[in-house]
Amino acid sequence: MFFEEKRKVTRTSVDIPISVKSESNTEQAWHVTALDISLNGIQVRSGQDIAIGSTIALQFPTQWKGLTLIANVVRQEGDCFGCQFVDVKPTEQEELDKAIHHWGGWE
């Protein structure tokens, strides 16, 4: 069976530990693993359920310039959650682009 990729931006497969805080509870963080990432969003694996429609803050490790990006959770497949970045500043977009290219082996 053939599936056509409908995304506008290419995803890069990664394996990155990220800290997450929910908008409803900014005091308590938990850890997830990023599975793939693009300039528009990210897919994470989480042992903790994340509600579709919720907003989360993703704190990347120092290798990713310590970026903190805000994302809306848009889908769930088992323990994997698809998230779309929101309100990304131009400087954050530039750092994200550099990090994706580095981790994707494009440099």
N, C-alpha and C. Protein backbone atom coordinates (compact mmCIF):
# COMPACT_ATOMS: atom_id res chain seq x y z
N MET A 1 0.84 -1.17 0.00
CA MET A 1 0.00 0.00 0.00
C MET A 1 0.89 1.24 0.00
N PHE A 2 0.55 2.24 -0.79
CA PHE A 2 1.33 3.46 -0.94
C PHE A 2 0.60 4.61 -0.25
N PHE A 3 1.32 5.34 0.59
CA PHE A 3 0.76 6.51 1.25
C PHE A 3 1.47 7.74 0.72
N GLU A 4 0.72 8.71 0.29
CA GLU A 4 1.31 9.95 -0.21
C GLU A 4 1.57 10.88 0.97
N GLU A 5 2.79 11.39 1.04
CA GLU A 5 3.17 12.34 2.08
C GLU A 5 2.54 13.69 1.76
N LYS A 6 1.72 14.21 2.66
CA LYS A 6 1.02 15.47 2.41
C LYS A 6 1.64 16.63 3.17
N ARG A 7 2.71 16.39 3.87
CA ARG A 7 3.35 17.46 4.63
C ARG A 7 4.08 18.41 3.70
N LYS A 8 4.09 19.70 4.09
CA LYS A 8 4.76 20.72 3.29
C LYS A 8 6.25 20.78 3.63
N VAL A 9 6.63 20.32 4.81
CA VAL A 9 8.00 20.39 5.27
C VAL A 9 8.48 18.98 5.61
N THR A 10 9.68 18.65 5.18
CA THR A 10 10.24 17.32 5.42
C THR A 10 10.54 17.12 6.90
N ARG A 11 10.23 15.90 7.37
CA ARG A 11 10.54 15.55 8.74
C ARG A 11 11.90 14.87 8.80
N THR A 12 12.59 15.05 9.92
CA THR A 12 13.87 14.41 10.17
C THR A 12 13.71 13.46 11.35
N SER A 13 14.10 12.20 11.19
CA SER A 13 14.05 11.24 12.29
C SER A 13 15.13 11.59 13.30
N VAL A 14 14.75 11.58 14.57
CA VAL A 14 15.67 11.90 15.66
C VAL A 14 15.37 10.97 16.84
N ASP A 15 16.21 11.04 17.84
CA ASP A 15 16.00 10.34 19.11
C ASP A 15 16.54 11.27 20.18
N ILE A 16 15.69 12.22 20.61
CA ILE A 16 16.14 13.29 21.48
C ILE A 16 15.27 13.32 22.75
N PRO A 17 15.90 13.29 23.93
CA PRO A 17 15.12 13.46 25.16
C PRO A 17 14.73 14.93 25.34
N ILE A 18 13.47 15.14 25.65
CA ILE A 18 12.94 16.51 25.81
C ILE A 18 12.13 16.56 27.10
N SER A 19 12.21 17.68 27.79
CA SER A 19 11.35 17.92 28.95
C SER A 19 10.09 18.64 28.48
N VAL A 20 8.97 18.27 29.05
CA VAL A 20 7.67 18.84 28.65
C VAL A 20 6.93 19.36 29.87
N LYS A 21 6.30 20.50 29.69
CA LYS A 21 5.38 21.05 30.69
C LYS A 21 4.07 21.35 29.99
N SER A 22 2.97 21.04 30.65
CA SER A 22 1.67 21.36 30.06
C SER A 22 1.28 22.78 30.43
N GLU A 23 0.45 23.36 29.60
CA GLU A 23 -0.03 24.72 29.86
C GLU A 23 -0.83 24.77 31.16
N SER A 24 -1.52 23.68 31.48
CA SER A 24 -2.35 23.66 32.68
C SER A 24 -1.55 23.41 33.96
N ASN A 25 -0.31 22.87 33.83
CA ASN A 25 0.52 22.61 35.01
C ASN A 25 1.98 22.91 34.66
N THR A 26 2.36 24.18 34.75
CA THR A 26 3.71 24.58 34.36
C THR A 26 4.75 24.26 35.42
N GLU A 27 4.33 23.78 36.59
CA GLU A 27 5.27 23.45 37.66
C GLU A 27 5.88 22.07 37.49
N GLN A 28 5.14 21.15 36.92
CA GLN A 28 5.58 19.76 36.84
C GLN A 28 5.96 19.39 35.40
N ALA A 29 7.21 18.98 35.22
CA ALA A 29 7.69 18.56 33.90
C ALA A 29 7.83 17.04 33.88
N TRP A 30 7.77 16.48 32.69
CA TRP A 30 8.06 15.06 32.49
C TRP A 30 8.89 14.93 31.23
N HIS A 31 9.43 13.76 31.02
CA HIS A 31 10.33 13.55 29.88
C HIS A 31 9.64 12.75 28.78
N VAL A 32 9.91 13.15 27.55
CA VAL A 32 9.43 12.44 26.36
C VAL A 32 10.63 12.24 25.44
N THR A 33 10.43 11.46 24.40
CA THR A 33 11.46 11.27 23.39
C THR A 33 10.92 11.78 22.06
N ALA A 34 11.67 12.69 21.44
CA ALA A 34 11.30 13.17 20.11
C ALA A 34 11.67 12.09 19.10
N LEU A 35 10.74 11.75 18.22
CA LEU A 35 10.96 10.72 17.21
C LEU A 35 11.24 11.32 15.85
N ASP A 36 10.57 12.40 15.53
CA ASP A 36 10.86 13.14 14.30
C ASP A 36 10.46 14.59 14.49
N ILE A 37 11.07 15.43 13.66
CA ILE A 37 10.88 16.87 13.83
C ILE A 37 10.97 17.56 12.48
N SER A 38 10.25 18.66 12.35
CA SER A 38 10.33 19.52 11.17
C SER A 38 10.26 20.96 11.67
N LEU A 39 10.29 21.90 10.75
CA LEU A 39 10.16 23.30 11.16
C LEU A 39 8.75 23.61 11.65
N ASN A 40 7.78 22.75 11.33
CA ASN A 40 6.40 22.99 11.72
C ASN A 40 5.93 22.21 12.94
N GLY A 41 6.61 21.10 13.26
CA GLY A 41 6.11 20.30 14.35
C GLY A 41 7.03 19.16 14.73
N ILE A 42 6.53 18.32 15.63
CA ILE A 42 7.33 17.26 16.22
C ILE A 42 6.43 16.09 16.60
N GLN A 43 6.99 14.89 16.56
CA GLN A 43 6.29 13.72 17.07
C GLN A 43 7.08 13.22 18.27
N VAL A 44 6.40 13.04 19.39
CA VAL A 44 7.06 12.58 20.61
C VAL A 44 6.41 11.30 21.11
N ARG A 45 7.22 10.51 21.83
CA ARG A 45 6.71 9.33 22.54
C ARG A 45 6.70 9.68 24.02
N SER A 46 5.56 9.45 24.66
CA SER A 46 5.40 9.82 26.05
C SER A 46 4.78 8.69 26.85
N GLY A 47 5.33 8.42 28.02
CA GLY A 47 4.74 7.45 28.93
C GLY A 47 3.53 8.03 29.64
N GLN A 48 3.38 9.33 29.57
CA GLN A 48 2.25 10.03 30.18
C GLN A 48 1.31 10.48 29.07
N ASP A 49 0.03 10.31 29.28
CA ASP A 49 -0.95 10.72 28.27
C ASP A 49 -0.95 12.24 28.14
N ILE A 50 -1.09 12.70 26.90
CA ILE A 50 -1.18 14.13 26.62
C ILE A 50 -2.48 14.35 25.86
N ALA A 51 -3.32 15.21 26.35
CA ALA A 51 -4.63 15.42 25.75
C ALA A 51 -4.51 16.11 24.39
N ILE A 52 -5.22 15.56 23.40
CA ILE A 52 -5.29 16.22 22.10
C ILE A 52 -5.96 17.58 22.30
N GLY A 53 -5.40 18.60 21.68
CA GLY A 53 -5.90 19.96 21.84
C GLY A 53 -5.19 20.74 22.92
N SER A 54 -4.37 20.06 23.73
CA SER A 54 -3.66 20.78 24.78
C SER A 54 -2.43 21.49 24.21
N THR A 55 -1.94 22.45 24.96
CA THR A 55 -0.73 23.19 24.59
C THR A 55 0.36 22.80 25.57
N ILE A 56 1.56 22.50 25.01
CA ILE A 56 2.68 22.09 25.83
C ILE A 56 3.91 22.92 25.49
N ALA A 57 4.83 23.01 26.45
CA ALA A 57 6.13 23.65 26.24
C ALA A 57 7.17 22.54 26.16
N LEU A 58 7.96 22.55 25.09
CA LEU A 58 8.99 21.54 24.86
C LEU A 58 10.35 22.17 25.11
N GLN A 59 11.07 21.66 26.11
CA GLN A 59 12.40 22.17 26.45
C GLN A 59 13.44 21.23 25.87
N PHE A 60 14.15 21.69 24.83
CA PHE A 60 15.16 20.88 24.15
C PHE A 60 16.47 20.90 24.93
N PRO A 61 17.31 19.88 24.74
CA PRO A 61 18.61 19.84 25.43
C PRO A 61 19.56 20.91 24.89
N THR A 62 20.67 21.09 25.58
CA THR A 62 21.63 22.14 25.22
C THR A 62 22.19 21.96 23.81
N GLN A 63 22.29 20.72 23.32
CA GLN A 63 22.76 20.50 21.95
C GLN A 63 21.83 21.16 20.95
N TRP A 64 20.61 21.41 21.34
CA TRP A 64 19.62 22.09 20.49
C TRP A 64 19.45 23.53 20.96
N LYS A 65 20.54 24.11 21.46
CA LYS A 65 20.57 25.50 21.92
C LYS A 65 19.61 25.76 23.08
N GLY A 66 19.16 24.70 23.76
CA GLY A 66 18.25 24.87 24.88
C GLY A 66 16.93 25.51 24.50
N LEU A 67 16.53 25.33 23.25
CA LEU A 67 15.27 25.92 22.78
C LEU A 67 14.08 25.47 23.62
N THR A 68 13.17 26.37 23.84
CA THR A 68 11.86 26.02 24.40
C THR A 68 10.83 26.46 23.38
N LEU A 69 10.08 25.51 22.86
CA LEU A 69 9.06 25.81 21.86
C LEU A 69 7.69 25.40 22.38
N ILE A 70 6.70 26.16 22.00
CA ILE A 70 5.31 25.88 22.37
C ILE A 70 4.66 25.13 21.22
N ALA A 71 3.86 24.11 21.56
CA ALA A 71 3.21 23.30 20.53
C ALA A 71 1.81 22.90 20.98
N ASN A 72 0.94 22.74 20.00
CA ASN A 72 -0.38 22.18 20.23
C ASN A 72 -0.35 20.70 19.87
N VAL A 73 -0.96 19.88 20.71
CA VAL A 73 -1.03 18.45 20.45
C VAL A 73 -2.21 18.23 19.49
N VAL A 74 -1.92 17.67 18.30
CA VAL A 74 -2.95 17.57 17.27
C VAL A 74 -3.39 16.13 16.97
N ARG A 75 -2.58 15.14 17.38
CA ARG A 75 -3.00 13.76 17.14
C ARG A 75 -2.29 12.81 18.08
N GLN A 76 -2.87 11.62 18.21
CA GLN A 76 -2.28 10.58 19.05
C GLN A 76 -2.41 9.25 18.34
N GLU A 77 -1.33 8.47 18.39
CA GLU A 77 -1.32 7.10 17.91
C GLU A 77 -0.60 6.28 18.97
N GLY A 78 -1.34 5.60 19.82
CA GLY A 78 -0.73 4.86 20.93
C GLY A 78 -0.06 5.82 21.89
N ASP A 79 1.25 5.58 22.13
CA ASP A 79 1.98 6.46 23.04
C ASP A 79 2.76 7.56 22.30
N CYS A 80 2.42 7.78 21.02
CA CYS A 80 3.05 8.82 20.21
C CYS A 80 2.07 9.96 19.96
N PHE A 81 2.59 11.18 20.05
CA PHE A 81 1.76 12.37 19.94
C PHE A 81 2.35 13.31 18.90
N GLY A 82 1.52 13.73 17.97
CA GLY A 82 1.92 14.70 16.96
C GLY A 82 1.60 16.09 17.45
N CYS A 83 2.58 16.98 17.36
CA CYS A 83 2.43 18.33 17.87
C CYS A 83 2.82 19.34 16.80
N GLN A 84 2.10 20.44 16.77
CA GLN A 84 2.37 21.51 15.81
C GLN A 84 2.87 22.72 16.58
N PHE A 85 4.05 23.24 16.16
CA PHE A 85 4.62 24.40 16.82
C PHE A 85 3.74 25.63 16.60
N VAL A 86 3.68 26.50 17.61
CA VAL A 86 2.92 27.75 17.51
C VAL A 86 3.78 28.90 18.00
N ASP A 87 3.56 30.07 17.43
CA ASP A 87 4.21 31.31 17.85
C ASP A 87 5.74 31.19 17.90
N VAL A 88 6.34 30.57 16.89
CA VAL A 88 7.79 30.43 16.84
C VAL A 88 8.40 31.75 16.35
N LYS A 89 9.28 32.30 17.16
CA LYS A 89 9.96 33.56 16.80
C LYS A 89 10.98 33.29 15.69
N PRO A 90 11.29 34.29 14.89
CA PRO A 90 12.27 34.10 13.81
C PRO A 90 13.62 33.57 14.29
N THR A 91 14.10 34.04 15.45
CA THR A 91 15.38 33.54 15.97
C THR A 91 15.27 32.07 16.37
N GLU A 92 14.13 31.68 16.94
CA GLU A 92 13.91 30.28 17.30
C GLU A 92 13.81 29.42 16.04
N GLN A 93 13.14 29.93 15.02
CA GLN A 93 13.01 29.22 13.74
C GLN A 93 14.39 28.96 13.13
N GLU A 94 15.26 29.97 13.20
CA GLU A 94 16.61 29.83 12.65
C GLU A 94 17.41 28.78 13.42
N GLU A 95 17.35 28.82 14.75
CA GLU A 95 18.07 27.83 15.57
C GLU A 95 17.51 26.43 15.35
N LEU A 96 16.20 26.32 15.23
CA LEU A 96 15.58 25.02 14.97
C LEU A 96 16.03 24.47 13.62
N ASP A 97 16.06 25.33 12.62
CA ASP A 97 16.50 24.91 11.29
C ASP A 97 17.94 24.40 11.33
N LYS A 98 18.82 25.13 12.01
CA LYS A 98 20.22 24.71 12.13
C LYS A 98 20.33 23.36 12.84
N ALA A 99 19.59 23.20 13.93
CA ALA A 99 19.64 21.96 14.70
C ALA A 99 19.11 20.78 13.88
N ILE A 100 18.03 20.99 13.15
CA ILE A 100 17.46 19.92 12.32
C ILE A 100 18.47 19.49 11.26
N HIS A 101 19.10 20.45 10.62
CA HIS A 101 20.09 20.12 9.59
C HIS A 101 21.28 19.38 10.20
N HIS A 102 21.71 19.80 11.38
CA HIS A 102 22.82 19.13 12.04
C HIS A 102 22.47 17.69 12.40
N TRP A 103 21.33 17.50 13.08
CA TRP A 103 20.93 16.16 13.53
C TRP A 103 20.50 15.28 12.37
N GLY A 104 20.09 15.89 11.27
CA GLY A 104 19.72 15.11 10.10
C GLY A 104 20.91 14.74 9.25
N GLY A 105 22.10 15.19 9.65
CA GLY A 105 23.32 14.86 8.92
C GLY A 105 23.48 15.62 7.62
N TRP A 106 22.86 16.81 7.54
CA TRP A 106 22.90 17.58 6.30
C TRP A 106 24.05 18.56 6.24
N GLU A 107 24.84 18.65 7.31
CA GLU A 107 25.96 19.60 7.32
C GLU A 107 27.21 18.91 6.82
